[in-house]
Amino acid sequence: ASSEMEGLFGQKAAFETPKPEFLLNRIIHIATNPDDLVL
């Protein structure tokens, strides 16, 4: 996730424990379907 942040902003963002996108991808895939609302 830190590498993802660095790729987006060109430097390591000031987040101690960012979550990788594939972790959220699994959670959102299991819990929702397209057009559902995520908070």
PDB file of all heavy atoms in Angstrom:
ATOM      1  N   ALA A   1       0.830  -1.200   0.000  1.00  0.00           N
ATOM      2  CA  ALA A   1       0.000   0.000   0.000  1.00  0.00           C
ATOM      3  C   ALA A   1       0.864   1.250   0.000  1.00  0.00           C
ATOM      4  O   ALA A   1       0.540   2.251  -0.646  1.00  0.00           O
ATOM      5  CB  ALA A   1      -0.919  -0.002   1.226  1.00  0.00           C
ATOM      6  N   SER A   2       1.984   1.212   0.722  1.00  0.00           N
ATOM      7  CA  SER A   2       2.896   2.354   0.722  1.00  0.00           C
ATOM      8  C   SER A   2       3.451   2.599  -0.668  1.00  0.00           C
ATOM      9  O   SER A   2       3.601   3.755  -1.098  1.00  0.00           O
ATOM     10  CB  SER A   2       4.032   2.107   1.720  1.00  0.00           C
ATOM     11  OG  SER A   2       3.538   2.005   3.042  1.00  0.00           O
ATOM     12  N   SER A   3       3.745   1.525  -1.376  1.00  0.00           N
ATOM     13  CA  SER A   3       4.228   1.664  -2.759  1.00  0.00           C
ATOM     14  C   SER A   3       3.149   2.247  -3.656  1.00  0.00           C
ATOM     15  O   SER A   3       3.435   3.046  -4.557  1.00  0.00           O
ATOM     16  CB  SER A   3       4.681   0.304  -3.291  1.00  0.00           C
ATOM     17  OG  SER A   3       5.759  -0.208  -2.533  1.00  0.00           O
ATOM     18  N   GLU A   4       1.892   1.835  -3.414  1.00  0.00           N
ATOM     19  CA  GLU A   4       0.786   2.407  -4.185  1.00  0.00           C
ATOM     20  C   GLU A   4       0.684   3.906  -3.939  1.00  0.00           C
ATOM     21  O   GLU A   4       0.473   4.689  -4.881  1.00  0.00           O
ATOM     22  CB  GLU A   4      -0.527   1.712  -3.801  1.00  0.00           C
ATOM     23  CG  GLU A   4      -0.617   0.259  -4.252  1.00  0.00           C
ATOM     24  CD  GLU A   4      -1.814  -0.469  -3.653  1.00  0.00           C
ATOM     25  OE1 GLU A   4      -2.595   0.174  -2.922  1.00  0.00           O
ATOM     26  OE2 GLU A   4      -1.968  -1.684  -3.919  1.00  0.00           O
ATOM     27  N   MET A   5       0.848   4.332  -2.678  1.00  0.00           N
ATOM     28  CA  MET A   5       0.805   5.756  -2.346  1.00  0.00           C
ATOM     29  C   MET A   5       1.944   6.501  -3.030  1.00  0.00           C
ATOM     30  O   MET A   5       1.763   7.597  -3.561  1.00  0.00           O
ATOM     31  CB  MET A   5       0.924   5.947  -0.831  1.00  0.00           C
ATOM     32  CG  MET A   5      -0.232   5.424  -0.010  1.00  0.00           C
ATOM     33  SD  MET A   5      -1.791   6.276  -0.310  1.00  0.00           S
ATOM     34  CE  MET A   5      -2.556   5.114  -1.445  1.00  0.00           C
ATOM     35  N   GLU A   6       3.133   5.894  -3.024  1.00  0.00           N
ATOM     36  CA  GLU A   6       4.283   6.534  -3.650  1.00  0.00           C
ATOM     37  C   GLU A   6       4.078   6.668  -5.151  1.00  0.00           C
ATOM     38  O   GLU A   6       4.460   7.676  -5.760  1.00  0.00           O
ATOM     39  CB  GLU A   6       5.547   5.724  -3.349  1.00  0.00           C
ATOM     40  CG  GLU A   6       6.831   6.424  -3.725  1.00  0.00           C
ATOM     41  CD  GLU A   6       8.061   5.683  -3.228  1.00  0.00           C
ATOM     42  OE1 GLU A   6       7.901   4.629  -2.571  1.00  0.00           O
ATOM     43  OE2 GLU A   6       9.177   6.170  -3.479  1.00  0.00           O
ATOM     44  N   GLY A   7       3.447   5.659  -5.761  1.00  0.00           N
ATOM     45  CA  GLY A   7       3.165   5.728  -7.179  1.00  0.00           C
ATOM     46  C   GLY A   7       2.163   6.813  -7.519  1.00  0.00           C
ATOM     47  O   GLY A   7       2.224   7.420  -8.597  1.00  0.00           O
ATOM     48  N   LEU A   8       1.231   7.080  -6.606  1.00  0.00           N
ATOM     49  CA  LEU A   8       0.209   8.096  -6.852  1.00  0.00           C
ATOM     50  C   LEU A   8       0.725   9.507  -6.629  1.00  0.00           C
ATOM     51  O   LEU A   8       0.416  10.423  -7.388  1.00  0.00           O
ATOM     52  CB  LEU A   8      -1.002   7.853  -5.935  1.00  0.00           C
ATOM     53  CG  LEU A   8      -1.936   6.703  -6.300  1.00  0.00           C
ATOM     54  CD1 LEU A   8      -2.882   6.419  -5.151  1.00  0.00           C
ATOM     55  CD2 LEU A   8      -2.720   7.041  -7.558  1.00  0.00           C
ATOM     56  N   PHE A   9       1.527   9.683  -5.571  1.00  0.00           N
ATOM     57  CA  PHE A   9       1.911  11.038  -5.163  1.00  0.00           C
ATOM     58  C   PHE A   9       3.378  11.365  -5.386  1.00  0.00           C
ATOM     59  O   PHE A   9       3.807  12.474  -5.109  1.00  0.00           O
ATOM     60  CB  PHE A   9       1.555  11.235  -3.681  1.00  0.00           C
ATOM     61  CG  PHE A   9       0.099  11.023  -3.379  1.00  0.00           C
ATOM     62  CD1 PHE A   9      -0.319   9.934  -2.627  1.00  0.00           C
ATOM     63  CD2 PHE A   9      -0.862  11.895  -3.858  1.00  0.00           C
ATOM     64  CE1 PHE A   9      -1.670   9.720  -2.358  1.00  0.00           C
ATOM     65  CE2 PHE A   9      -2.210  11.694  -3.588  1.00  0.00           C
ATOM     66  CZ  PHE A   9      -2.613  10.608  -2.849  1.00  0.00           C
ATOM     67  N   GLY A  10       4.139  10.374  -5.882  1.00  0.00           N
ATOM     68  CA  GLY A  10       5.536  10.653  -6.171  1.00  0.00           C
ATOM     69  C   GLY A  10       6.433  10.627  -4.950  1.00  0.00           C
ATOM     70  O   GLY A  10       7.633  10.818  -5.047  1.00  0.00           O
ATOM     71  N   GLN A  11       5.857  10.406  -3.795  1.00  0.00           N
ATOM     72  CA  GLN A  11       6.609  10.314  -2.563  1.00  0.00           C
ATOM     73  C   GLN A  11       5.792   9.504  -1.572  1.00  0.00           C
ATOM     74  O   GLN A  11       4.593   9.323  -1.747  1.00  0.00           O
ATOM     75  CB  GLN A  11       6.891  11.693  -1.977  1.00  0.00           C
ATOM     76  CG  GLN A  11       5.620  12.502  -1.684  1.00  0.00           C
ATOM     77  CD  GLN A  11       5.917  13.885  -1.173  1.00  0.00           C
ATOM     78  OE1 GLN A  11       7.065  14.260  -0.992  1.00  0.00           O
ATOM     79  NE2 GLN A  11       4.879  14.661  -0.935  1.00  0.00           N
ATOM     80  N   LYS A  12       6.437   9.009  -0.543  1.00  0.00           N
ATOM     81  CA  LYS A  12       5.716   8.244   0.468  1.00  0.00           C
ATOM     82  C   LYS A  12       4.797   9.169   1.244  1.00  0.00           C
ATOM     83  O   LYS A  12       5.242  10.141   1.852  1.00  0.00           O
ATOM     84  CB  LYS A  12       6.687   7.539   1.414  1.00  0.00           C
ATOM     85  CG  LYS A  12       7.407   6.363   0.756  1.00  0.00           C
ATOM     86  CD  LYS A  12       8.193   5.557   1.759  1.00  0.00           C
ATOM     87  CE  LYS A  12       8.829   4.331   1.084  1.00  0.00           C
ATOM     88  NZ  LYS A  12       9.598   3.510   2.036  1.00  0.00           N
ATOM     89  N   ALA A  13       3.505   8.883   1.186  1.00  0.00           N
ATOM     90  CA  ALA A  13       2.528   9.711   1.888  1.00  0.00           C
ATOM     91  C   ALA A  13       2.609   9.454   3.386  1.00  0.00           C
ATOM     92  O   ALA A  13       3.065   8.403   3.841  1.00  0.00           O
ATOM     93  CB  ALA A  13       1.124   9.419   1.369  1.00  0.00           C
ATOM     94  N   ALA A  14       2.152  10.435   4.147  1.00  0.00           N
ATOM     95  CA  ALA A  14       2.267  10.364   5.607  1.00  0.00           C
ATOM     96  C   ALA A  14       1.146   9.542   6.224  1.00  0.00           C
ATOM     97  O   ALA A  14       0.342  10.048   7.002  1.00  0.00           O
ATOM     98  CB  ALA A  14       2.285  11.772   6.190  1.00  0.00           C
ATOM     99  N   PHE A  15       1.070   8.250   5.847  1.00  0.00           N
ATOM    100  CA  PHE A  15       0.087   7.344   6.443  1.00  0.00           C
ATOM    101  C   PHE A  15       0.846   6.144   6.971  1.00  0.00           C
ATOM    102  O   PHE A  15       1.547   5.462   6.219  1.00  0.00           O
ATOM    103  CB  PHE A  15      -0.956   6.905   5.410  1.00  0.00           C
ATOM    104  CG  PHE A  15      -1.733   8.053   4.829  1.00  0.00           C
ATOM    105  CD1 PHE A  15      -1.411   8.573   3.588  1.00  0.00           C
ATOM    106  CD2 PHE A  15      -2.773   8.630   5.535  1.00  0.00           C
ATOM    107  CE1 PHE A  15      -2.114   9.635   3.053  1.00  0.00           C
ATOM    108  CE2 PHE A  15      -3.493   9.697   5.012  1.00  0.00           C
ATOM    109  CZ  PHE A  15      -3.157  10.197   3.765  1.00  0.00           C
ATOM    110  N   GLU A  16       0.716   5.885   8.279  1.00  0.00           N
ATOM    111  CA  GLU A  16       1.511   4.831   8.904  1.00  0.00           C
ATOM    112  C   GLU A  16       1.111   3.442   8.413  1.00  0.00           C
ATOM    113  O   GLU A  16       1.969   2.597   8.176  1.00  0.00           O
ATOM    114  CB  GLU A  16       1.383   4.912  10.424  1.00  0.00           C
ATOM    115  CG  GLU A  16       2.085   6.126  11.034  1.00  0.00           C
ATOM    116  CD  GLU A  16       2.097   6.063  12.544  1.00  0.00           C
ATOM    117  OE1 GLU A  16       1.671   5.014  13.083  1.00  0.00           O
ATOM    118  OE2 GLU A  16       2.510   7.027  13.186  1.00  0.00           O
ATOM    119  N   THR A  17      -0.168   3.210   8.288  1.00  0.00           N
ATOM    120  CA  THR A  17      -0.621   1.855   7.932  1.00  0.00           C
ATOM    121  C   THR A  17      -1.672   1.911   6.825  1.00  0.00           C
ATOM    122  O   THR A  17      -2.822   1.530   7.033  1.00  0.00           O
ATOM    123  CB  THR A  17      -1.199   1.132   9.157  1.00  0.00           C
ATOM    124  OG1 THR A  17      -2.272   1.933   9.694  1.00  0.00           O
ATOM    125  CG2 THR A  17      -0.141   0.924  10.214  1.00  0.00           C
ATOM    126  N   PRO A  18      -1.309   2.394   5.634  1.00  0.00           N
ATOM    127  CA  PRO A  18      -2.293   2.391   4.543  1.00  0.00           C
ATOM    128  C   PRO A  18      -2.658   0.957   4.171  1.00  0.00           C
ATOM    129  O   PRO A  18      -1.855   0.034   4.333  1.00  0.00           O
ATOM    130  CB  PRO A  18      -1.557   3.100   3.405  1.00  0.00           C
ATOM    131  CG  PRO A  18      -0.102   2.843   3.681  1.00  0.00           C
ATOM    132  CD  PRO A  18       0.015   2.846   5.181  1.00  0.00           C
ATOM    133  N   LYS A  19      -3.881   0.773   3.687  1.00  0.00           N
ATOM    134  CA  LYS A  19      -4.350  -0.563   3.322  1.00  0.00           C
ATOM    135  C   LYS A  19      -4.203  -0.772   1.813  1.00  0.00           C
ATOM    136  O   LYS A  19      -4.531   0.119   1.024  1.00  0.00           O
ATOM    137  CB  LYS A  19      -5.814  -0.743   3.741  1.00  0.00           C
ATOM    138  CG  LYS A  19      -6.028  -0.610   5.249  1.00  0.00           C
ATOM    139  CD  LYS A  19      -5.219  -1.630   6.022  1.00  0.00           C
ATOM    140  CE  LYS A  19      -5.396  -1.507   7.530  1.00  0.00           C
ATOM    141  NZ  LYS A  19      -4.612  -0.420   8.107  1.00  0.00           N
ATOM    142  N   PRO A  20      -3.703  -1.933   1.387  1.00  0.00           N
ATOM    143  CA  PRO A  20      -3.542  -2.196  -0.047  1.00  0.00           C
ATOM    144  C   PRO A  20      -4.886  -2.303  -0.748  1.00  0.00           C
ATOM    145  O   PRO A  20      -5.886  -2.739  -0.163  1.00  0.00           O
ATOM    146  CB  PRO A  20      -2.788  -3.529  -0.074  1.00  0.00           C
ATOM    147  CG  PRO A  20      -3.087  -4.176   1.239  1.00  0.00           C
ATOM    148  CD  PRO A  20      -3.254  -3.058   2.228  1.00  0.00           C
ATOM    149  N   GLU A  21      -4.909  -1.915  -2.025  1.00  0.00           N
ATOM    150  CA  GLU A  21      -6.170  -1.918  -2.766  1.00  0.00           C
ATOM    151  C   GLU A  21      -6.761  -3.313  -2.894  1.00  0.00           C
ATOM    152  O   GLU A  21      -7.981  -3.477  -2.902  1.00  0.00           O
ATOM    153  CB  GLU A  21      -5.969  -1.284  -4.139  1.00  0.00           C
ATOM    154  CG  GLU A  21      -5.770   0.219  -4.099  1.00  0.00           C
ATOM    155  CD  GLU A  21      -6.055   0.891  -5.428  1.00  0.00           C
ATOM    156  OE1 GLU A  21      -6.531   0.210  -6.365  1.00  0.00           O
ATOM    157  OE2 GLU A  21      -5.818   2.113  -5.533  1.00  0.00           O
ATOM    158  N   PHE A  22      -5.924  -4.337  -2.980  1.00  0.00           N
ATOM    159  CA  PHE A  22      -6.472  -5.689  -3.145  1.00  0.00           C
ATOM    160  C   PHE A  22      -7.171  -6.189  -1.882  1.00  0.00           C
ATOM    161  O   PHE A  22      -8.046  -7.048  -1.965  1.00  0.00           O
ATOM    162  CB  PHE A  22      -5.371  -6.666  -3.585  1.00  0.00           C
ATOM    163  CG  PHE A  22      -5.106  -6.617  -5.065  1.00  0.00           C
ATOM    164  CD1 PHE A  22      -4.068  -5.865  -5.571  1.00  0.00           C
ATOM    165  CD2 PHE A  22      -5.927  -7.302  -5.950  1.00  0.00           C
ATOM    166  CE1 PHE A  22      -3.831  -5.798  -6.939  1.00  0.00           C
ATOM    167  CE2 PHE A  22      -5.710  -7.248  -7.315  1.00  0.00           C
ATOM    168  CZ  PHE A  22      -4.654  -6.488  -7.813  1.00  0.00           C
ATOM    169  N   LEU A  23      -6.797  -5.667  -0.723  1.00  0.00           N
ATOM    170  CA  LEU A  23      -7.537  -6.005   0.499  1.00  0.00           C
ATOM    171  C   LEU A  23      -8.946  -5.453   0.410  1.00  0.00           C
ATOM    172  O   LEU A  23      -9.926  -6.166   0.681  1.00  0.00           O
ATOM    173  CB  LEU A  23      -6.817  -5.436   1.720  1.00  0.00           C
ATOM    174  CG  LEU A  23      -7.571  -5.547   3.052  1.00  0.00           C
ATOM    175  CD1 LEU A  23      -7.769  -7.008   3.441  1.00  0.00           C
ATOM    176  CD2 LEU A  23      -6.834  -4.792   4.153  1.00  0.00           C
ATOM    177  N   LEU A  24      -9.085  -4.177   0.031  1.00  0.00           N
ATOM    178  CA  LEU A  24     -10.421  -3.583  -0.108  1.00  0.00           C
ATOM    179  C   LEU A  24     -11.187  -4.225  -1.247  1.00  0.00           C
ATOM    180  O   LEU A  24     -12.413  -4.382  -1.181  1.00  0.00           O
ATOM    181  CB  LEU A  24     -10.306  -2.082  -0.327  1.00  0.00           C
ATOM    182  CG  LEU A  24     -10.260  -1.195   0.918  1.00  0.00           C
ATOM    183  CD1 LEU A  24     -11.540  -1.367   1.741  1.00  0.00           C
ATOM    184  CD2 LEU A  24      -9.052  -1.481   1.794  1.00  0.00           C
ATOM    185  N   ASN A  25     -10.479  -4.620  -2.291  1.00  0.00           N
ATOM    186  CA  ASN A  25     -11.125  -5.293  -3.419  1.00  0.00           C
ATOM    187  C   ASN A  25     -11.819  -6.574  -2.973  1.00  0.00           C
ATOM    188  O   ASN A  25     -12.962  -6.845  -3.365  1.00  0.00           O
ATOM    189  CB  ASN A  25     -10.083  -5.595  -4.492  1.00  0.00           C
ATOM    190  CG  ASN A  25     -10.628  -6.429  -5.642  1.00  0.00           C
ATOM    191  OD1 ASN A  25     -10.372  -7.633  -5.712  1.00  0.00           O
ATOM    192  ND2 ASN A  25     -11.374  -5.809  -6.533  1.00  0.00           N
ATOM    193  N   ARG A  26     -11.153  -7.352  -2.127  1.00  0.00           N
ATOM    194  CA  ARG A  26     -11.770  -8.601  -1.658  1.00  0.00           C
ATOM    195  C   ARG A  26     -12.980  -8.326  -0.779  1.00  0.00           C
ATOM    196  O   ARG A  26     -14.037  -8.945  -0.918  1.00  0.00           O
ATOM    197  CB  ARG A  26     -10.755  -9.452  -0.897  1.00  0.00           C
ATOM    198  CG  ARG A  26     -11.384 -10.721  -0.311  1.00  0.00           C
ATOM    199  CD  ARG A  26     -10.359 -11.709   0.145  1.00  0.00           C
ATOM    200  NE  ARG A  26      -9.591 -12.230  -0.978  1.00  0.00           N
ATOM    201  CZ  ARG A  26      -8.594 -13.111  -0.857  1.00  0.00           C
ATOM    202  NH1 ARG A  26      -8.247 -13.559   0.348  1.00  0.00           N
ATOM    203  NH2 ARG A  26      -7.942 -13.530  -1.915  1.00  0.00           N
ATOM    204  N   ILE A  27     -12.829  -7.379   0.156  1.00  0.00           N
ATOM    205  CA  ILE A  27     -13.938  -7.063   1.056  1.00  0.00           C
ATOM    206  C   ILE A  27     -15.149  -6.572   0.274  1.00  0.00           C
ATOM    207  O   ILE A  27     -16.285  -7.031   0.478  1.00  0.00           O
ATOM    208  CB  ILE A  27     -13.496  -6.009   2.087  1.00  0.00           C
ATOM    209  CG1 ILE A  27     -12.474  -6.628   3.051  1.00  0.00           C
ATOM    210  CG2 ILE A  27     -14.693  -5.459   2.863  1.00  0.00           C
ATOM    211  CD1 ILE A  27     -11.823  -5.626   3.979  1.00  0.00           C
ATOM    212  N   ILE A  28     -14.924  -5.627  -0.642  1.00  0.00           N
ATOM    213  CA  ILE A  28     -16.029  -5.051  -1.416  1.00  0.00           C
ATOM    214  C   ILE A  28     -16.643  -6.085  -2.341  1.00  0.00           C
ATOM    215  O   ILE A  28     -17.862  -6.115  -2.539  1.00  0.00           O
ATOM    216  CB  ILE A  28     -15.532  -3.815  -2.192  1.00  0.00           C
ATOM    217  CG1 ILE A  28     -15.164  -2.702  -1.196  1.00  0.00           C
ATOM    218  CG2 ILE A  28     -16.587  -3.319  -3.169  1.00  0.00           C
ATOM    219  CD1 ILE A  28     -14.472  -1.513  -1.830  1.00  0.00           C
ATOM    220  N   HIS A  29     -15.815  -6.980  -2.891  1.00  0.00           N
ATOM    221  CA  HIS A  29     -16.357  -8.052  -3.751  1.00  0.00           C
ATOM    222  C   HIS A  29     -17.269  -8.979  -2.956  1.00  0.00           C
ATOM    223  O   HIS A  29     -18.362  -9.333  -3.411  1.00  0.00           O
ATOM    224  CB  HIS A  29     -15.218  -8.871  -4.368  1.00  0.00           C
ATOM    225  CG  HIS A  29     -15.679 -10.160  -4.978  1.00  0.00           C
ATOM    226  ND1 HIS A  29     -16.314 -10.225  -6.195  1.00  0.00           N
ATOM    227  CD2 HIS A  29     -15.635 -11.443  -4.506  1.00  0.00           C
ATOM    228  CE1 HIS A  29     -16.629 -11.483  -6.462  1.00  0.00           C
ATOM    229  NE2 HIS A  29     -16.239 -12.239  -5.448  1.00  0.00           N
ATOM    230  N   ILE A  30     -16.826  -9.383  -1.766  1.00  0.00           N
ATOM    231  CA  ILE A  30     -17.624 -10.299  -0.950  1.00  0.00           C
ATOM    232  C   ILE A  30     -18.921  -9.635  -0.495  1.00  0.00           C
ATOM    233  O   ILE A  30     -19.998 -10.231  -0.552  1.00  0.00           O
ATOM    234  CB  ILE A  30     -16.812 -10.771   0.275  1.00  0.00           C
ATOM    235  CG1 ILE A  30     -15.648 -11.670  -0.159  1.00  0.00           C
ATOM    236  CG2 ILE A  30     -17.718 -11.518   1.271  1.00  0.00           C
ATOM    237  CD1 ILE A  30     -14.694 -12.031   0.972  1.00  0.00           C
ATOM    238  N   ALA A  31     -18.836  -8.384  -0.047  1.00  0.00           N
ATOM    239  CA  ALA A  31     -19.949  -7.753   0.661  1.00  0.00           C
ATOM    240  C   ALA A  31     -20.940  -7.014  -0.219  1.00  0.00           C
ATOM    241  O   ALA A  31     -22.051  -6.713   0.233  1.00  0.00           O
ATOM    242  CB  ALA A  31     -19.398  -6.785   1.710  1.00  0.00           C
ATOM    243  N   THR A  32     -20.587  -6.723  -1.474  1.00  0.00           N
ATOM    244  CA  THR A  32     -21.443  -5.863  -2.292  1.00  0.00           C
ATOM    245  C   THR A  32     -21.536  -6.343  -3.725  1.00  0.00           C
ATOM    246  O   THR A  32     -20.779  -7.221  -4.169  1.00  0.00           O
ATOM    247  CB  THR A  32     -20.915  -4.415  -2.310  1.00  0.00           C
ATOM    248  OG1 THR A  32     -19.681  -4.377  -3.061  1.00  0.00           O
ATOM    249  CG2 THR A  32     -20.669  -3.885  -0.912  1.00  0.00           C
ATOM    250  N   ASN A  33     -22.450  -5.711  -4.451  1.00  0.00           N
ATOM    251  CA  ASN A  33     -22.595  -5.888  -5.893  1.00  0.00           C
ATOM    252  C   ASN A  33     -22.529  -4.516  -6.551  1.00  0.00           C
ATOM    253  O   ASN A  33     -22.665  -3.489  -5.882  1.00  0.00           O
ATOM    254  CB  ASN A  33     -23.925  -6.572  -6.216  1.00  0.00           C
ATOM    255  CG  ASN A  33     -23.966  -8.009  -5.717  1.00  0.00           C
ATOM    256  OD1 ASN A  33     -23.104  -8.820  -6.046  1.00  0.00           O
ATOM    257  ND2 ASN A  33     -24.959  -8.324  -4.887  1.00  0.00           N
ATOM    258  N   PRO A  34     -22.298  -4.473  -7.869  1.00  0.00           N
ATOM    259  CA  PRO A  34     -22.252  -3.176  -8.545  1.00  0.00           C
ATOM    260  C   PRO A  34     -23.454  -2.301  -8.195  1.00  0.00           C
ATOM    261  O   PRO A  34     -24.580  -2.775  -8.112  1.00  0.00           O
ATOM    262  CB  PRO A  34     -22.228  -3.561 -10.029  1.00  0.00           C
ATOM    263  CG  PRO A  34     -21.519  -4.877 -10.037  1.00  0.00           C
ATOM    264  CD  PRO A  34     -22.000  -5.582  -8.800  1.00  0.00           C
ATOM    265  N   ASP A  35     -23.187  -1.035  -7.973  1.00  0.00           N
ATOM    266  CA  ASP A  35     -24.172  -0.004  -7.643  1.00  0.00           C
ATOM    267  C   ASP A  35     -24.566  -0.001  -6.171  1.00  0.00           C
ATOM    268  O   ASP A  35     -25.323   0.875  -5.739  1.00  0.00           O
ATOM    269  CB  ASP A  35     -25.420  -0.103  -8.521  1.00  0.00           C
ATOM    270  CG  ASP A  35     -26.045   1.256  -8.780  1.00  0.00           C
ATOM    271  OD1 ASP A  35     -25.287   2.234  -8.914  1.00  0.00           O
ATOM    272  OD2 ASP A  35     -27.279   1.357  -8.829  1.00  0.00           O
ATOM    273  N   ASP A  36     -24.093  -0.961  -5.375  1.00  0.00           N
ATOM    274  CA  ASP A  36     -24.324  -0.908  -3.934  1.00  0.00           C
ATOM    275  C   ASP A  36     -23.530   0.245  -3.338  1.00  0.00           C
ATOM    276  O   ASP A  36     -22.567   0.745  -3.930  1.00  0.00           O
ATOM    277  CB  ASP A  36     -23.908  -2.224  -3.267  1.00  0.00           C
ATOM    278  CG  ASP A  36     -24.950  -3.319  -3.430  1.00  0.00           C
ATOM    279  OD1 ASP A  36     -26.109  -2.982  -3.716  1.00  0.00           O
ATOM    280  OD2 ASP A  36     -24.606  -4.509  -3.277  1.00  0.00           O
ATOM    281  N   LEU A  37     -23.911   0.645  -2.116  1.00  0.00           N
ATOM    282  CA  LEU A  37     -23.306   1.795  -1.453  1.00  0.00           C
ATOM    283  C   LEU A  37     -22.310   1.340  -0.383  1.00  0.00           C
ATOM    284  O   LEU A  37     -22.639   0.549   0.490  1.00  0.00           O
ATOM    285  CB  LEU A  37     -24.393   2.667  -0.816  1.00  0.00           C
ATOM    286  CG  LEU A  37     -23.961   3.955  -0.129  1.00  0.00           C
ATOM    287  CD1 LEU A  37     -23.211   4.866  -1.090  1.00  0.00           C
ATOM    288  CD2 LEU A  37     -25.184   4.669   0.442  1.00  0.00           C
ATOM    289  N   VAL A  38     -21.082   1.874  -0.475  1.00  0.00           N
ATOM    290  CA  VAL A  38     -19.998   1.553   0.451  1.00  0.00           C
ATOM    291  C   VAL A  38     -19.642   2.810   1.234  1.00  0.00           C
ATOM    292  O   VAL A  38     -19.541   3.898   0.660  1.00  0.00           O
ATOM    293  CB  VAL A  38     -18.752   1.042  -0.306  1.00  0.00           C
ATOM    294  CG1 VAL A  38     -17.609   0.753   0.661  1.00  0.00           C
ATOM    295  CG2 VAL A  38     -19.096  -0.205  -1.123  1.00  0.00           C
ATOM    296  N   LEU A  39     -19.439   2.674   2.549  1.00  0.00           N
ATOM    297  CA  LEU A  39     -19.122   3.808   3.414  1.00  0.00           C
ATOM    298  C   LEU A  39     -17.831   3.555   4.182  1.00  0.00           C
ATOM    299  O   LEU A  39     -17.608   2.461   4.687  1.00  0.00           O
ATOM    300  CB  LEU A  39     -20.266   4.036   4.413  1.00  0.00           C
ATOM    301  CG  LEU A  39     -20.009   4.993   5.582  1.00  0.00           C
ATOM    302  CD1 LEU A  39     -19.814   6.421   5.093  1.00  0.00           C
ATOM    303  CD2 LEU A  39     -21.142   4.920   6.603  1.00  0.00           C
TER     304      LEU A  39
END
